């Protein structure tokens, strides 16, 4: 699943919160730290399940 995000979180705390929520929704994303450093700040969020 791919989502286009109009206003991704900009502040570090908001990115961390978004990463935790993304990881809870889709644990197949891998490490939540990596999600927070990359995907959470992006305008495109990708989710997949194995």
C-alpha atoms as a PDB file:
ATOM      1  CA  UNK A   1       0.000   0.000   0.000  1.00  0.00           C
ATOM      2  CA  UNK A   2       1.313   3.453  -0.823  1.00  0.00           C
ATOM      3  CA  UNK A   3       0.070   6.694   0.722  1.00  0.00           C
ATOM      4  CA  UNK A   4       0.784  10.226  -0.441  1.00  0.00           C
ATOM      5  CA  UNK A   5       1.257  12.507   2.567  1.00  0.00           C
ATOM      6  CA  UNK A   6       0.549  16.189   2.001  1.00  0.00           C
ATOM      7  CA  UNK A   7       2.126  17.404   5.231  1.00  0.00           C
ATOM      8  CA  UNK A   8       4.543  14.877   6.729  1.00  0.00           C
ATOM      9  CA  UNK A   9       5.728  15.508  10.286  1.00  0.00           C
ATOM     10  CA  UNK A  10       8.642  17.950  10.457  1.00  0.00           C
ATOM     11  CA  UNK A  11       9.605  18.024  14.129  1.00  0.00           C
ATOM     12  CA  UNK A  12      11.736  15.162  15.494  1.00  0.00           C
ATOM     13  CA  UNK A  13       9.147  14.188  18.135  1.00  0.00           C
ATOM     14  CA  UNK A  14       6.342  14.161  15.559  1.00  0.00           C
ATOM     15  CA  UNK A  15       8.474  11.996  13.237  1.00  0.00           C
ATOM     16  CA  UNK A  16       9.193   9.582  16.072  1.00  0.00           C
ATOM     17  CA  UNK A  17       5.501   9.319  16.944  1.00  0.00           C
ATOM     18  CA  UNK A  18       4.593   8.731  13.289  1.00  0.00           C
ATOM     19  CA  UNK A  19       7.291   6.063  12.997  1.00  0.00           C
ATOM     20  CA  UNK A  20       5.982   4.210  16.054  1.00  0.00           C
ATOM     21  CA  UNK A  21       2.437   4.309  14.665  1.00  0.00           C
ATOM     22  CA  UNK A  22       3.615   3.137  11.233  1.00  0.00           C
ATOM     23  CA  UNK A  23       5.592   0.288  12.780  1.00  0.00           C
ATOM     24  CA  UNK A  24       2.610  -0.743  14.943  1.00  0.00           C
ATOM     25  CA  UNK A  25       0.429  -0.816  11.819  1.00  0.00           C
ATOM     26  CA  UNK A  26       3.002  -2.682   9.716  1.00  0.00           C
ATOM     27  CA  UNK A  27       5.801  -4.448  11.640  1.00  0.00           C
ATOM     28  CA  UNK A  28       7.202  -5.757   8.345  1.00  0.00           C
ATOM     29  CA  UNK A  29       8.698  -2.290   7.768  1.00  0.00           C
ATOM     30  CA  UNK A  30      11.699  -3.327   9.834  1.00  0.00           C
ATOM     31  CA  UNK A  31      13.410  -1.153  12.419  1.00  0.00           C
ATOM     32  CA  UNK A  32      11.223   1.709  13.710  1.00  0.00           C
ATOM     33  CA  UNK A  33      14.325   3.925  13.965  1.00  0.00           C
ATOM     34  CA  UNK A  34      14.924   3.609  10.236  1.00  0.00           C
ATOM     35  CA  UNK A  35      11.262   4.367   9.566  1.00  0.00           C
ATOM     36  CA  UNK A  36      11.542   7.527  11.665  1.00  0.00           C
ATOM     37  CA  UNK A  37      14.698   8.671   9.917  1.00  0.00           C
ATOM     38  CA  UNK A  38      13.314   8.136   6.427  1.00  0.00           C
ATOM     39  CA  UNK A  39       9.728   7.263   5.668  1.00  0.00           C
ATOM     40  CA  UNK A  40       8.049   9.320   8.407  1.00  0.00           C
ATOM     41  CA  UNK A  41       9.513  12.546   6.967  1.00  0.00           C
ATOM     42  CA  UNK A  42       8.746  11.616   3.366  1.00  0.00           C
ATOM     43  CA  UNK A  43       5.729  12.629   1.301  1.00  0.00           C
ATOM     44  CA  UNK A  44       5.216   8.984   0.324  1.00  0.00           C
ATOM     45  CA  UNK A  45       4.639   6.248   2.883  1.00  0.00           C
ATOM     46  CA  UNK A  46       4.873   2.621   1.747  1.00  0.00           C
ATOM     47  CA  UNK A  47       3.553  -0.357   3.683  1.00  0.00           C
ATOM     48  CA  UNK A  48       3.898  -4.046   2.845  1.00  0.00           C
ATOM     49  CA  UNK A  49       3.246  -7.328   4.562  1.00  0.00           C
ATOM     50  CA  UNK A  50       5.091 -10.569   3.939  1.00  0.00           C
END
